[in-house]
Amino acid sequence: MTNATRLEFDEHGHLRPFTVDQCLAVFTEWAGHYPSARFVVIAIEPDGSNASTLGWGLALPDHVVTHLPALNLTGTFRTADDLIRLLRPDTDARVIWVDPEPEQWPDESDD
């Protein structure tokens, strides 16, 4: 925790609420430690001759948020692989990472 985000107490020992600047500092520090990663979701044609864009997503340290307008699907998933597993029975869906794939994913035991 930086000086900007140090906890402050009033004269009665109660925690003072963060200021706007302190809130921004906390989330800026968090984002620096846990960067998000953008990705595109595509579908490969059955014969492999073509692909189409289904939509995109953003991976955070503990989940991914996706918007796939081609399928009218918006949702939150534990990992990008979970999204692909959902799509796979009907579609040869693939994730293309725009940013480096996050190294941190939730533990399997968190289900």
N, C-alpha and C. Protein backbone atom coordinates (compact mmCIF):
# COMPACT_ATOMS: atom_id res chain seq x y z
N MET A 1 0.84 -1.17 0.00
CA MET A 1 0.00 0.00 0.00
C MET A 1 0.90 1.24 0.00
N THR A 2 0.61 2.16 -0.88
CA THR A 2 1.40 3.38 -0.98
C THR A 2 0.89 4.42 0.01
N ASN A 3 1.63 5.51 0.14
CA ASN A 3 1.18 6.59 1.02
C ASN A 3 -0.18 7.12 0.61
N ALA A 4 -0.43 7.15 -0.69
CA ALA A 4 -1.71 7.67 -1.18
C ALA A 4 -2.88 6.78 -0.77
N THR A 5 -2.59 5.49 -0.51
CA THR A 5 -3.67 4.56 -0.16
C THR A 5 -3.57 4.07 1.28
N ARG A 6 -2.74 4.72 2.08
CA ARG A 6 -2.58 4.33 3.49
C ARG A 6 -3.90 4.55 4.23
N LEU A 7 -4.25 3.60 5.08
CA LEU A 7 -5.48 3.72 5.87
C LEU A 7 -5.34 4.85 6.87
N GLU A 8 -6.39 5.62 7.03
CA GLU A 8 -6.39 6.74 7.97
C GLU A 8 -7.56 6.57 8.93
N PHE A 9 -7.30 6.91 10.19
CA PHE A 9 -8.32 6.79 11.23
C PHE A 9 -8.62 8.15 11.82
N ASP A 10 -9.88 8.33 12.25
CA ASP A 10 -10.24 9.60 12.89
C ASP A 10 -9.87 9.53 14.37
N GLU A 11 -10.21 10.60 15.11
CA GLU A 11 -9.83 10.70 16.52
C GLU A 11 -10.51 9.63 17.39
N HIS A 12 -11.55 8.96 16.87
CA HIS A 12 -12.26 7.92 17.62
C HIS A 12 -11.81 6.52 17.20
N GLY A 13 -10.82 6.46 16.32
CA GLY A 13 -10.31 5.17 15.88
C GLY A 13 -11.10 4.54 14.75
N HIS A 14 -12.03 5.28 14.17
CA HIS A 14 -12.82 4.78 13.05
C HIS A 14 -12.08 5.03 11.73
N LEU A 15 -12.18 4.08 10.87
CA LEU A 15 -11.54 4.20 9.55
C LEU A 15 -12.21 5.31 8.76
N ARG A 16 -11.40 6.23 8.24
CA ARG A 16 -11.94 7.29 7.39
C ARG A 16 -12.17 6.76 5.98
N PRO A 17 -13.23 7.18 5.33
CA PRO A 17 -13.47 6.74 3.95
C PRO A 17 -12.36 7.27 3.03
N PHE A 18 -12.06 6.52 2.00
CA PHE A 18 -11.09 6.98 1.01
C PHE A 18 -11.63 8.19 0.28
N THR A 19 -10.73 9.03 -0.16
CA THR A 19 -11.10 10.13 -1.05
C THR A 19 -11.13 9.58 -2.48
N VAL A 20 -11.61 10.38 -3.40
CA VAL A 20 -11.61 9.98 -4.81
C VAL A 20 -10.20 9.68 -5.27
N ASP A 21 -9.26 10.54 -4.91
CA ASP A 21 -7.87 10.33 -5.31
C ASP A 21 -7.31 9.04 -4.74
N GLN A 22 -7.65 8.72 -3.50
CA GLN A 22 -7.18 7.48 -2.90
C GLN A 22 -7.80 6.26 -3.60
N CYS A 23 -9.08 6.34 -3.92
CA CYS A 23 -9.73 5.25 -4.66
C CYS A 23 -9.05 5.03 -6.00
N LEU A 24 -8.78 6.10 -6.71
CA LEU A 24 -8.08 5.98 -7.99
C LEU A 24 -6.69 5.37 -7.81
N ALA A 25 -6.00 5.76 -6.75
CA ALA A 25 -4.66 5.22 -6.49
C ALA A 25 -4.72 3.73 -6.20
N VAL A 26 -5.72 3.28 -5.43
CA VAL A 26 -5.86 1.86 -5.12
C VAL A 26 -6.06 1.06 -6.40
N PHE A 27 -6.97 1.50 -7.25
CA PHE A 27 -7.26 0.74 -8.46
C PHE A 27 -6.14 0.85 -9.49
N THR A 28 -5.44 1.96 -9.51
CA THR A 28 -4.27 2.08 -10.39
C THR A 28 -3.19 1.11 -9.97
N GLU A 29 -2.96 1.02 -8.66
CA GLU A 29 -1.97 0.07 -8.15
C GLU A 29 -2.39 -1.37 -8.45
N TRP A 30 -3.66 -1.68 -8.24
CA TRP A 30 -4.19 -3.03 -8.51
C TRP A 30 -4.02 -3.38 -9.99
N ALA A 31 -4.37 -2.46 -10.87
CA ALA A 31 -4.26 -2.71 -12.31
C ALA A 31 -2.82 -2.95 -12.73
N GLY A 32 -1.89 -2.28 -12.07
CA GLY A 32 -0.48 -2.49 -12.38
C GLY A 32 0.00 -3.87 -12.00
N HIS A 33 -0.56 -4.42 -10.93
CA HIS A 33 -0.17 -5.76 -10.48
C HIS A 33 -0.93 -6.86 -11.22
N TYR A 34 -2.12 -6.56 -11.69
CA TYR A 34 -2.98 -7.56 -12.34
C TYR A 34 -3.51 -7.01 -13.66
N PRO A 35 -2.65 -6.92 -14.66
CA PRO A 35 -3.10 -6.32 -15.92
C PRO A 35 -4.17 -7.17 -16.60
N SER A 36 -5.06 -6.52 -17.29
CA SER A 36 -6.08 -7.21 -18.06
C SER A 36 -5.52 -7.53 -19.44
N ALA A 37 -6.22 -8.41 -20.14
CA ALA A 37 -5.78 -8.81 -21.48
C ALA A 37 -6.99 -8.90 -22.41
N ARG A 38 -6.85 -8.26 -23.55
CA ARG A 38 -7.92 -8.28 -24.55
C ARG A 38 -7.78 -9.51 -25.44
N PHE A 39 -8.92 -10.00 -25.91
CA PHE A 39 -8.89 -11.11 -26.86
C PHE A 39 -10.06 -11.02 -27.83
N VAL A 40 -9.89 -11.68 -28.96
CA VAL A 40 -10.93 -11.78 -29.99
C VAL A 40 -11.36 -13.23 -30.04
N VAL A 41 -12.65 -13.47 -30.26
CA VAL A 41 -13.16 -14.83 -30.41
C VAL A 41 -13.59 -14.99 -31.86
N ILE A 42 -13.06 -16.04 -32.49
CA ILE A 42 -13.40 -16.31 -33.89
C ILE A 42 -14.00 -17.71 -34.01
N ALA A 43 -14.67 -17.94 -35.12
CA ALA A 43 -15.20 -19.26 -35.45
C ALA A 43 -14.58 -19.69 -36.77
N ILE A 44 -14.02 -20.89 -36.80
CA ILE A 44 -13.41 -21.45 -38.00
C ILE A 44 -14.48 -22.24 -38.75
N GLU A 45 -14.55 -22.04 -40.06
CA GLU A 45 -15.48 -22.83 -40.88
C GLU A 45 -15.15 -24.31 -40.77
N PRO A 46 -16.15 -25.19 -40.90
CA PRO A 46 -15.90 -26.64 -40.78
C PRO A 46 -14.80 -27.16 -41.70
N ASP A 47 -14.69 -26.60 -42.90
CA ASP A 47 -13.64 -27.08 -43.81
C ASP A 47 -12.31 -26.34 -43.62
N GLY A 48 -12.27 -25.40 -42.66
CA GLY A 48 -11.04 -24.68 -42.37
C GLY A 48 -10.68 -23.60 -43.36
N SER A 49 -11.56 -23.33 -44.31
CA SER A 49 -11.23 -22.39 -45.38
C SER A 49 -11.45 -20.92 -45.02
N ASN A 50 -12.15 -20.66 -43.93
CA ASN A 50 -12.47 -19.28 -43.58
C ASN A 50 -12.76 -19.19 -42.09
N ALA A 51 -12.78 -17.98 -41.58
CA ALA A 51 -13.12 -17.72 -40.18
C ALA A 51 -13.91 -16.43 -40.10
N SER A 52 -14.70 -16.32 -39.06
CA SER A 52 -15.45 -15.08 -38.84
C SER A 52 -15.29 -14.65 -37.39
N THR A 53 -15.39 -13.37 -37.18
CA THR A 53 -15.28 -12.81 -35.84
C THR A 53 -16.61 -12.96 -35.12
N LEU A 54 -16.58 -13.57 -33.94
CA LEU A 54 -17.78 -13.68 -33.13
C LEU A 54 -17.91 -12.50 -32.18
N GLY A 55 -16.77 -12.01 -31.70
CA GLY A 55 -16.79 -10.89 -30.76
C GLY A 55 -15.45 -10.76 -30.06
N TRP A 56 -15.48 -10.24 -28.85
CA TRP A 56 -14.25 -9.93 -28.14
C TRP A 56 -14.47 -10.08 -26.64
N GLY A 57 -13.36 -9.97 -25.92
CA GLY A 57 -13.46 -10.08 -24.47
C GLY A 57 -12.30 -9.41 -23.78
N LEU A 58 -12.40 -9.38 -22.48
CA LEU A 58 -11.38 -8.81 -21.63
C LEU A 58 -11.16 -9.77 -20.47
N ALA A 59 -9.92 -10.24 -20.32
CA ALA A 59 -9.59 -11.15 -19.24
C ALA A 59 -9.01 -10.36 -18.08
N LEU A 60 -9.59 -10.55 -16.91
CA LEU A 60 -9.11 -9.97 -15.67
C LEU A 60 -8.50 -11.10 -14.85
N PRO A 61 -7.85 -10.82 -13.74
CA PRO A 61 -7.18 -11.89 -13.00
C PRO A 61 -8.11 -13.02 -12.53
N ASP A 62 -9.38 -12.72 -12.29
CA ASP A 62 -10.25 -13.75 -11.75
C ASP A 62 -11.44 -14.13 -12.63
N HIS A 63 -11.58 -13.51 -13.80
CA HIS A 63 -12.67 -13.87 -14.70
C HIS A 63 -12.46 -13.18 -16.05
N VAL A 64 -13.27 -13.58 -17.03
CA VAL A 64 -13.27 -12.90 -18.32
C VAL A 64 -14.67 -12.36 -18.60
N VAL A 65 -14.73 -11.24 -19.26
CA VAL A 65 -15.98 -10.63 -19.69
C VAL A 65 -15.98 -10.69 -21.21
N THR A 66 -17.08 -11.16 -21.79
CA THR A 66 -17.13 -11.31 -23.24
C THR A 66 -18.37 -10.65 -23.82
N HIS A 67 -18.22 -10.22 -25.04
CA HIS A 67 -19.34 -9.69 -25.82
C HIS A 67 -19.21 -10.29 -27.22
N LEU A 68 -20.14 -11.18 -27.56
CA LEU A 68 -20.12 -11.84 -28.86
C LEU A 68 -21.38 -11.48 -29.63
N PRO A 69 -21.39 -10.32 -30.30
CA PRO A 69 -22.60 -9.88 -31.00
C PRO A 69 -23.07 -10.86 -32.06
N ALA A 70 -22.15 -11.59 -32.68
CA ALA A 70 -22.54 -12.54 -33.72
C ALA A 70 -23.43 -13.65 -33.17
N LEU A 71 -23.32 -13.91 -31.87
CA LEU A 71 -24.14 -14.95 -31.23
C LEU A 71 -25.15 -14.37 -30.25
N ASN A 72 -25.23 -13.04 -30.18
CA ASN A 72 -26.10 -12.37 -29.23
C ASN A 72 -25.82 -12.86 -27.81
N LEU A 73 -24.53 -12.93 -27.45
CA LEU A 73 -24.09 -13.45 -26.16
C LEU A 73 -23.16 -12.46 -25.48
N THR A 74 -23.50 -12.11 -24.27
CA THR A 74 -22.65 -11.31 -23.42
C THR A 74 -22.60 -12.03 -22.08
N GLY A 75 -21.40 -12.19 -21.53
CA GLY A 75 -21.34 -12.90 -20.27
C GLY A 75 -20.00 -12.81 -19.58
N THR A 76 -19.97 -13.38 -18.39
CA THR A 76 -18.78 -13.47 -17.57
C THR A 76 -18.48 -14.95 -17.35
N PHE A 77 -17.22 -15.31 -17.55
CA PHE A 77 -16.79 -16.69 -17.40
C PHE A 77 -15.56 -16.73 -16.51
N ARG A 78 -15.28 -17.88 -15.93
CA ARG A 78 -14.12 -18.05 -15.08
C ARG A 78 -12.84 -17.85 -15.87
N THR A 79 -12.75 -18.46 -17.06
CA THR A 79 -11.58 -18.32 -17.93
C THR A 79 -12.05 -18.25 -19.37
N ALA A 80 -11.16 -17.86 -20.26
CA ALA A 80 -11.48 -17.86 -21.69
C ALA A 80 -11.73 -19.28 -22.18
N ASP A 81 -11.02 -20.26 -21.61
CA ASP A 81 -11.24 -21.66 -21.98
C ASP A 81 -12.66 -22.12 -21.66
N ASP A 82 -13.21 -21.62 -20.54
CA ASP A 82 -14.60 -21.97 -20.19
C ASP A 82 -15.56 -21.45 -21.25
N LEU A 83 -15.31 -20.25 -21.75
CA LEU A 83 -16.13 -19.70 -22.83
C LEU A 83 -16.04 -20.60 -24.07
N ILE A 84 -14.84 -20.98 -24.44
CA ILE A 84 -14.64 -21.81 -25.63
C ILE A 84 -15.33 -23.15 -25.46
N ARG A 85 -15.25 -23.75 -24.27
CA ARG A 85 -15.94 -25.04 -24.02
C ARG A 85 -17.44 -24.90 -24.22
N LEU A 86 -17.99 -23.76 -23.82
CA LEU A 86 -19.43 -23.53 -24.01
C LEU A 86 -19.78 -23.48 -25.50
N LEU A 87 -18.91 -22.87 -26.30
CA LEU A 87 -19.19 -22.69 -27.73
C LEU A 87 -18.85 -23.93 -28.56
N ARG A 88 -17.93 -24.76 -28.11
CA ARG A 88 -17.38 -25.85 -28.89
C ARG A 88 -18.38 -26.90 -29.39
N PRO A 89 -19.41 -27.25 -28.69
CA PRO A 89 -20.28 -28.30 -29.26
C PRO A 89 -20.83 -27.95 -30.65
N ASP A 90 -21.03 -26.66 -30.91
CA ASP A 90 -21.61 -26.24 -32.19
C ASP A 90 -20.65 -25.49 -33.09
N THR A 91 -19.57 -24.98 -32.53
CA THR A 91 -18.70 -24.06 -33.26
C THR A 91 -17.23 -24.37 -32.98
N ASP A 92 -16.40 -24.30 -34.02
CA ASP A 92 -14.96 -24.42 -33.81
C ASP A 92 -14.44 -23.03 -33.43
N ALA A 93 -14.70 -22.65 -32.17
CA ALA A 93 -14.35 -21.32 -31.69
C ALA A 93 -12.91 -21.31 -31.18
N ARG A 94 -12.25 -20.20 -31.40
CA ARG A 94 -10.86 -20.03 -30.96
C ARG A 94 -10.69 -18.64 -30.36
N VAL A 95 -9.76 -18.54 -29.42
CA VAL A 95 -9.39 -17.25 -28.82
C VAL A 95 -8.08 -16.79 -29.43
N ILE A 96 -8.04 -15.55 -29.84
CA ILE A 96 -6.80 -14.92 -30.31
C ILE A 96 -6.50 -13.79 -29.33
N TRP A 97 -5.36 -13.92 -28.66
CA TRP A 97 -4.99 -12.93 -27.65
C TRP A 97 -4.39 -11.70 -28.31
N VAL A 98 -4.94 -10.53 -27.99
CA VAL A 98 -4.40 -9.25 -28.46
C VAL A 98 -3.25 -8.85 -27.55
N ASP A 99 -3.44 -9.05 -26.26
CA ASP A 99 -2.42 -8.79 -25.25
C ASP A 99 -1.92 -10.15 -24.76
N PRO A 100 -0.80 -10.19 -24.07
CA PRO A 100 -0.33 -11.47 -23.54
C PRO A 100 -1.40 -12.12 -22.66
N GLU A 101 -1.58 -13.43 -22.83
CA GLU A 101 -2.56 -14.16 -22.04
C GLU A 101 -2.20 -14.06 -20.56
N PRO A 102 -3.19 -13.82 -19.71
CA PRO A 102 -2.89 -13.71 -18.28
C PRO A 102 -2.26 -14.99 -17.74
N GLU A 103 -1.29 -14.81 -16.86
CA GLU A 103 -0.65 -15.96 -16.24
C GLU A 103 -1.42 -16.42 -15.03
N GLN A 104 -2.26 -15.56 -14.50
CA GLN A 104 -3.02 -15.87 -13.30
C GLN A 104 -4.44 -16.21 -13.66
N TRP A 105 -4.89 -17.39 -13.32
CA TRP A 105 -6.29 -17.77 -13.47
C TRP A 105 -6.75 -18.29 -12.12
N PRO A 106 -8.04 -18.29 -11.88
CA PRO A 106 -8.52 -18.80 -10.60
C PRO A 106 -8.16 -20.27 -10.43
N ASP A 107 -7.99 -20.70 -9.20
CA ASP A 107 -7.71 -22.10 -8.93
C ASP A 107 -8.92 -22.96 -9.29
N GLU A 108 -8.64 -24.18 -9.72
CA GLU A 108 -9.72 -25.13 -10.04
C GLU A 108 -10.61 -25.35 -8.83
N SER A 109 -10.05 -25.27 -7.63
CA SER A 109 -10.81 -25.53 -6.42
C SER A 109 -11.80 -24.43 -6.08
N ASP A 110 -11.74 -23.29 -6.81
CA ASP A 110 -12.64 -22.17 -6.53
C ASP A 110 -14.02 -22.36 -7.12
N ASP A 111 -14.27 -23.46 -7.81
CA ASP A 111 -15.57 -23.68 -8.47
C ASP A 111 -16.71 -23.70 -7.50
